[in-house]
Amino acid sequence: LLYQFFNGIQDMNRKDYIDKIAKYLARFV
């Protein structure tokens, strides 16, 4: 359960980072 919890947090953080990168790159274009 701890593994799934932290893995879920990592997935959320990973998605947040990718979304932020995509947003700023699109703004630059």
All heavy atoms as atom14 arrays in JSON, in Angstrom:
{
  "sequence": "LLYQFFNGIQDMNRKDYIDKIAKYLARFV",
  "atom14_mask": [
    [1, 1, 1, 1, 1, 1, 1, 1, 0, 0, 0, 0, 0, 0],
    [1, 1, 1, 1, 1, 1, 1, 1, 0, 0, 0, 0, 0, 0],
    [1, 1, 1, 1, 1, 1, 1, 1, 1, 1, 1, 1, 0, 0],
    [1, 1, 1, 1, 1, 1, 1, 1, 1, 0, 0, 0, 0, 0],
    [1, 1, 1, 1, 1, 1, 1, 1, 1, 1, 1, 0, 0, 0],
    [1, 1, 1, 1, 1, 1, 1, 1, 1, 1, 1, 0, 0, 0],
    [1, 1, 1, 1, 1, 1, 1, 1, 0, 0, 0, 0, 0, 0],
    [1, 1, 1, 1, 0, 0, 0, 0, 0, 0, 0, 0, 0, 0],
    [1, 1, 1, 1, 1, 1, 1, 1, 0, 0, 0, 0, 0, 0],
    [1, 1, 1, 1, 1, 1, 1, 1, 1, 0, 0, 0, 0, 0],
    [1, 1, 1, 1, 1, 1, 1, 1, 0, 0, 0, 0, 0, 0],
    [1, 1, 1, 1, 1, 1, 1, 1, 0, 0, 0, 0, 0, 0],
    [1, 1, 1, 1, 1, 1, 1, 1, 0, 0, 0, 0, 0, 0],
    [1, 1, 1, 1, 1, 1, 1, 1, 1, 1, 1, 0, 0, 0],
    [1, 1, 1, 1, 1, 1, 1, 1, 1, 0, 0, 0, 0, 0],
    [1, 1, 1, 1, 1, 1, 1, 1, 0, 0, 0, 0, 0, 0],
    [1, 1, 1, 1, 1, 1, 1, 1, 1, 1, 1, 1, 0, 0],
    [1, 1, 1, 1, 1, 1, 1, 1, 0, 0, 0, 0, 0, 0],
    [1, 1, 1, 1, 1, 1, 1, 1, 0, 0, 0, 0, 0, 0],
    [1, 1, 1, 1, 1, 1, 1, 1, 1, 0, 0, 0, 0, 0],
    [1, 1, 1, 1, 1, 1, 1, 1, 0, 0, 0, 0, 0, 0],
    [1, 1, 1, 1, 1, 0, 0, 0, 0, 0, 0, 0, 0, 0],
    [1, 1, 1, 1, 1, 1, 1, 1, 1, 0, 0, 0, 0, 0],
    [1, 1, 1, 1, 1, 1, 1, 1, 1, 1, 1, 1, 0, 0],
    [1, 1, 1, 1, 1, 1, 1, 1, 0, 0, 0, 0, 0, 0],
    [1, 1, 1, 1, 1, 0, 0, 0, 0, 0, 0, 0, 0, 0],
    [1, 1, 1, 1, 1, 1, 1, 1, 1, 1, 1, 0, 0, 0],
    [1, 1, 1, 1, 1, 1, 1, 1, 1, 1, 1, 0, 0, 0],
    [1, 1, 1, 1, 1, 1, 1, 0, 0, 0, 0, 0, 0, 0]
  ],
  "atom14_positions": [
    [[0.82, -1.22, 0.0], [0.0, 0.0, 0.0], [0.85, 1.26, 0.0], [0.56, 2.23, -0.7], [-0.92, 0.0, 1.23], [-2.11, -0.96, 1.2], [-2.84, -0.91, 2.55], [-3.05, -0.6, 0.07], [0.0, 0.0, 0.0], [0.0, 0.0, 0.0], [0.0, 0.0, 0.0], [0.0, 0.0, 0.0], [0.0, 0.0, 0.0], [0.0, 0.0, 0.0]],
    [[1.95, 1.24, 0.8], [2.86, 2.4, 0.82], [3.49, 2.61, -0.55], [3.62, 3.74, -1.03], [3.96, 2.19, 1.88], [3.53, 2.36, 3.33], [4.69, 2.02, 4.26], [3.06, 3.79, 3.58], [0.0, 0.0, 0.0], [0.0, 0.0, 0.0], [0.0, 0.0, 0.0], [0.0, 0.0, 0.0], [0.0, 0.0, 0.0], [0.0, 0.0, 0.0]],
    [[3.87, 1.5, -1.19], [4.48, 1.59, -2.53], [3.51, 2.2, -3.53], [3.86, 3.08, -4.31], [4.9, 0.19, -2.98], [5.36, 0.15, -4.44], [6.63, 0.58, -4.8], [4.48, -0.31, -5.44], [7.03, 0.56, -6.12], [4.88, -0.34, -6.75], [6.15, 0.1, -7.1], [6.54, 0.09, -8.41], [0.0, 0.0, 0.0], [0.0, 0.0, 0.0]],
    [[2.26, 1.73, -3.49], [1.25, 2.26, -4.4], [0.97, 3.72, -4.12], [0.77, 4.53, -5.03], [-0.05, 1.44, -4.28], [0.05, 0.02, -4.77], [0.33, -0.04, -6.27], [-0.08, 0.82, -7.04], [1.09, -1.06, -6.68], [0.0, 0.0, 0.0], [0.0, 0.0, 0.0], [0.0, 0.0, 0.0], [0.0, 0.0, 0.0], [0.0, 0.0, 0.0]],
    [[0.98, 4.07, -2.83], [0.71, 5.46, -2.43], [1.8, 6.39, -2.97], [1.51, 7.4, -3.63], [0.62, 5.54, -0.91], [0.46, 6.94, -0.4], [-0.75, 7.62, -0.51], [1.54, 7.6, 0.18], [-0.89, 8.92, -0.06], [1.41, 8.9, 0.65], [0.19, 9.56, 0.54], [0.0, 0.0, 0.0], [0.0, 0.0, 0.0], [0.0, 0.0, 0.0]],
    [[3.04, 6.05, -2.68], [4.14, 6.9, -3.13], [4.3, 6.88, -4.65], [4.67, 7.88, -5.26], [5.46, 6.48, -2.45], [5.53, 6.87, -1.01], [5.52, 5.91, -0.02], [5.57, 8.21, -0.64], [5.57, 6.27, 1.32], [5.62, 8.58, 0.69], [5.62, 7.6, 1.68], [0.0, 0.0, 0.0], [0.0, 0.0, 0.0], [0.0, 0.0, 0.0]],
    [[4.0, 5.69, -5.23], [4.07, 5.61, -6.69], [3.0, 6.5, -7.32], [3.22, 7.15, -8.34], [3.89, 4.16, -7.14], [4.25, 3.97, -8.61], [5.32, 4.39, -9.03], [3.36, 3.34, -9.36], [0.0, 0.0, 0.0], [0.0, 0.0, 0.0], [0.0, 0.0, 0.0], [0.0, 0.0, 0.0], [0.0, 0.0, 0.0], [0.0, 0.0, 0.0]],
    [[1.82, 6.54, -6.68], [0.75, 7.41, -7.16], [1.13, 8.86, -7.05], [0.84, 9.68, -7.94], [0.0, 0.0, 0.0], [0.0, 0.0, 0.0], [0.0, 0.0, 0.0], [0.0, 0.0, 0.0], [0.0, 0.0, 0.0], [0.0, 0.0, 0.0], [0.0, 0.0, 0.0], [0.0, 0.0, 0.0], [0.0, 0.0, 0.0], [0.0, 0.0, 0.0]],
    [[1.78, 9.19, -5.92], [2.24, 10.58, -5.76], [3.26, 10.93, -6.84], [3.22, 12.01, -7.43], [2.86, 10.78, -4.36], [1.77, 10.67, -3.29], [3.58, 12.12, -4.26], [2.31, 10.74, -1.87], [0.0, 0.0, 0.0], [0.0, 0.0, 0.0], [0.0, 0.0, 0.0], [0.0, 0.0, 0.0], [0.0, 0.0, 0.0], [0.0, 0.0, 0.0]],
    [[4.17, 9.99, -7.12], [5.17, 10.22, -8.16], [4.5, 10.43, -9.52], [4.89, 11.3, -10.3], [6.15, 9.05, -8.23], [7.17, 9.06, -7.09], [8.22, 7.99, -7.28], [7.92, 6.9, -7.77], [9.44, 8.29, -6.91], [0.0, 0.0, 0.0], [0.0, 0.0, 0.0], [0.0, 0.0, 0.0], [0.0, 0.0, 0.0], [0.0, 0.0, 0.0]],
    [[3.49, 9.59, -9.8], [2.77, 9.72, -11.07], [2.09, 11.08, -11.17], [2.08, 11.72, -12.23], [1.73, 8.6, -11.21], [2.38, 7.26, -11.53], [3.56, 7.27, -11.94], [1.7, 6.23, -11.34], [0.0, 0.0, 0.0], [0.0, 0.0, 0.0], [0.0, 0.0, 0.0], [0.0, 0.0, 0.0], [0.0, 0.0, 0.0], [0.0, 0.0, 0.0]],
    [[1.51, 11.52, -10.05], [0.86, 12.83, -10.04], [1.89, 13.93, -10.27], [1.68, 14.86, -11.06], [0.13, 13.05, -8.71], [-1.13, 12.19, -8.55], [-1.88, 12.4, -6.92], [-2.27, 14.14, -6.96], [0.0, 0.0, 0.0], [0.0, 0.0, 0.0], [0.0, 0.0, 0.0], [0.0, 0.0, 0.0], [0.0, 0.0, 0.0], [0.0, 0.0, 0.0]],
    [[3.04, 13.84, -9.56], [4.09, 14.84, -9.73], [4.63, 14.83, -11.15], [4.87, 15.89, -11.75], [5.24, 14.58, -8.76], [4.85, 14.89, -7.32], [3.9, 15.65, -7.09], [5.56, 14.33, -6.37], [0.0, 0.0, 0.0], [0.0, 0.0, 0.0], [0.0, 0.0, 0.0], [0.0, 0.0, 0.0], [0.0, 0.0, 0.0], [0.0, 0.0, 0.0]],
    [[4.79, 13.63, -11.68], [5.3, 13.48, -13.06], [4.34, 14.14, -14.05], [4.75, 14.88, -14.95], [5.47, 12.0, -13.38], [6.13, 11.71, -14.69], [6.45, 10.21, -14.8], [7.16, 9.95, -16.03], [6.58, 9.81, -17.22], [5.25, 9.89, -17.29], [7.29, 9.59, -18.3], [0.0, 0.0, 0.0], [0.0, 0.0, 0.0], [0.0, 0.0, 0.0]],
    [[3.03, 13.91, -13.87], [2.04, 14.51, -14.74], [2.03, 16.03, -14.6], [1.94, 16.76, -15.6], [0.65, 13.96, -14.42], [-0.46, 14.48, -15.34], [-1.79, 13.86, -14.98], [-2.87, 14.31, -15.94], [-3.03, 15.79, -15.96], [0.0, 0.0, 0.0], [0.0, 0.0, 0.0], [0.0, 0.0, 0.0], [0.0, 0.0, 0.0], [0.0, 0.0, 0.0]],
    [[2.17, 16.49, -13.37], [2.2, 17.94, -13.14], [3.39, 18.58, -13.86], [3.26, 19.65, -14.48], [2.27, 18.26, -11.65], [0.95, 17.94, -10.93], [-0.07, 17.82, -11.64], [0.98, 17.8, -9.69], [0.0, 0.0, 0.0], [0.0, 0.0, 0.0], [0.0, 0.0, 0.0], [0.0, 0.0, 0.0], [0.0, 0.0, 0.0], [0.0, 0.0, 0.0]],
    [[4.55, 17.94, -13.77], [5.75, 18.48, -14.41], [5.59, 18.5, -15.93], [5.93, 19.49, -16.6], [6.98, 17.66, -14.03], [7.4, 17.8, -12.59], [7.9, 16.71, -11.87], [7.3, 19.03, -11.93], [8.28, 16.83, -10.54], [7.68, 19.16, -10.6], [8.16, 18.07, -9.91], [8.54, 18.19, -8.6], [0.0, 0.0, 0.0], [0.0, 0.0, 0.0]],
    [[5.07, 17.39, -16.46], [4.91, 17.31, -17.92], [3.89, 18.34, -18.41], [4.08, 19.0, -19.44], [4.49, 15.87, -18.34], [5.66, 14.91, -18.11], [4.04, 15.85, -19.79], [5.32, 13.46, -18.36], [0.0, 0.0, 0.0], [0.0, 0.0, 0.0], [0.0, 0.0, 0.0], [0.0, 0.0, 0.0], [0.0, 0.0, 0.0], [0.0, 0.0, 0.0]],
    [[2.79, 18.5, -17.65], [1.79, 19.5, -18.02], [2.36, 20.91, -17.97], [2.07, 21.75, -18.83], [0.58, 19.4, -17.08], [-0.26, 18.15, -17.34], [-0.05, 17.52, -18.4], [-1.1, 17.81, -16.48], [0.0, 0.0, 0.0], [0.0, 0.0, 0.0], [0.0, 0.0, 0.0], [0.0, 0.0, 0.0], [0.0, 0.0, 0.0], [0.0, 0.0, 0.0]],
    [[3.17, 21.17, -16.94], [3.78, 22.51, -16.82], [4.74, 22.77, -17.97], [4.74, 23.85, -18.57], [4.52, 22.6, -15.48], [5.18, 23.97, -15.25], [5.93, 24.02, -13.93], [4.96, 24.1, -12.77], [5.68, 24.36, -11.48], [0.0, 0.0, 0.0], [0.0, 0.0, 0.0], [0.0, 0.0, 0.0], [0.0, 0.0, 0.0], [0.0, 0.0, 0.0]],
    [[5.54, 21.76, -18.3], [6.48, 21.91, -19.43], [5.73, 22.18, -20.72], [6.08, 23.08, -21.49], [7.35, 20.63, -19.56], [8.28, 20.5, -18.37], [8.14, 20.67, -20.86], [8.96, 19.14, -18.27], [0.0, 0.0, 0.0], [0.0, 0.0, 0.0], [0.0, 0.0, 0.0], [0.0, 0.0, 0.0], [0.0, 0.0, 0.0], [0.0, 0.0, 0.0]],
    [[4.66, 21.39, -20.96], [3.87, 21.56, -22.18], [3.25, 22.95, -22.25], [3.21, 23.58, -23.31], [2.78, 20.49, -22.24], [0.0, 0.0, 0.0], [0.0, 0.0, 0.0], [0.0, 0.0, 0.0], [0.0, 0.0, 0.0], [0.0, 0.0, 0.0], [0.0, 0.0, 0.0], [0.0, 0.0, 0.0], [0.0, 0.0, 0.0], [0.0, 0.0, 0.0]],
    [[2.76, 23.45, -21.1], [2.12, 24.77, -21.07], [3.1, 25.87, -21.44], [2.82, 26.73, -22.27], [1.55, 25.02, -19.68], [0.87, 26.39, -19.54], [0.37, 26.65, -18.14], [1.53, 26.94, -17.19], [1.04, 27.34, -15.85], [0.0, 0.0, 0.0], [0.0, 0.0, 0.0], [0.0, 0.0, 0.0], [0.0, 0.0, 0.0], [0.0, 0.0, 0.0]],
    [[4.3, 25.81, -20.84], [5.26, 26.88, -21.09], [5.87, 26.79, -22.49], [6.14, 27.81, -23.12], [6.35, 26.86, -20.03], [5.88, 27.39, -18.69], [5.87, 26.61, -17.56], [5.42, 28.71, -18.59], [5.41, 27.09, -16.34], [4.96, 29.21, -17.38], [4.97, 28.4, -16.26], [4.51, 28.9, -15.06], [0.0, 0.0, 0.0], [0.0, 0.0, 0.0]],
    [[6.09, 25.58, -22.99], [6.59, 25.45, -24.36], [5.58, 25.98, -25.36], [5.93, 26.65, -26.33], [6.92, 23.98, -24.66], [8.17, 23.41, -23.99], [8.32, 21.93, -24.34], [9.42, 24.17, -24.43], [0.0, 0.0, 0.0], [0.0, 0.0, 0.0], [0.0, 0.0, 0.0], [0.0, 0.0, 0.0], [0.0, 0.0, 0.0], [0.0, 0.0, 0.0]],
    [[4.29, 25.68, -25.14], [3.24, 26.18, -26.03], [3.17, 27.7, -25.98], [2.98, 28.37, -27.01], [1.89, 25.58, -25.65], [0.0, 0.0, 0.0], [0.0, 0.0, 0.0], [0.0, 0.0, 0.0], [0.0, 0.0, 0.0], [0.0, 0.0, 0.0], [0.0, 0.0, 0.0], [0.0, 0.0, 0.0], [0.0, 0.0, 0.0], [0.0, 0.0, 0.0]],
    [[3.36, 28.27, -24.8], [3.35, 29.73, -24.64], [4.51, 30.35, -25.44], [4.37, 31.4, -26.05], [3.44, 30.07, -23.16], [3.4, 31.55, -22.87], [3.42, 31.8, -21.37], [2.18, 31.33, -20.74], [1.97, 31.39, -19.44], [2.9, 31.89, -18.64], [0.82, 30.98, -18.92], [0.0, 0.0, 0.0], [0.0, 0.0, 0.0], [0.0, 0.0, 0.0]],
    [[5.65, 29.66, -25.4], [6.82, 30.16, -26.13], [6.57, 30.15, -27.64], [6.94, 31.09, -28.36], [8.04, 29.3, -25.79], [9.29, 29.72, -26.49], [9.76, 31.03, -26.39], [10.0, 28.82, -27.26], [10.93, 31.42, -27.04], [11.16, 29.2, -27.92], [11.62, 30.5, -27.8], [0.0, 0.0, 0.0], [0.0, 0.0, 0.0], [0.0, 0.0, 0.0]],
    [[5.93, 29.09, -28.13], [5.6, 29.01, -29.56], [4.71, 30.18, -29.97], [4.91, 30.8, -31.0], [4.93, 27.66, -29.89], [4.34, 27.69, -31.3], [5.91, 26.52, -29.74], [0.0, 0.0, 0.0], [0.0, 0.0, 0.0], [0.0, 0.0, 0.0], [0.0, 0.0, 0.0], [0.0, 0.0, 0.0], [0.0, 0.0, 0.0], [0.0, 0.0, 0.0]]
  ]
}
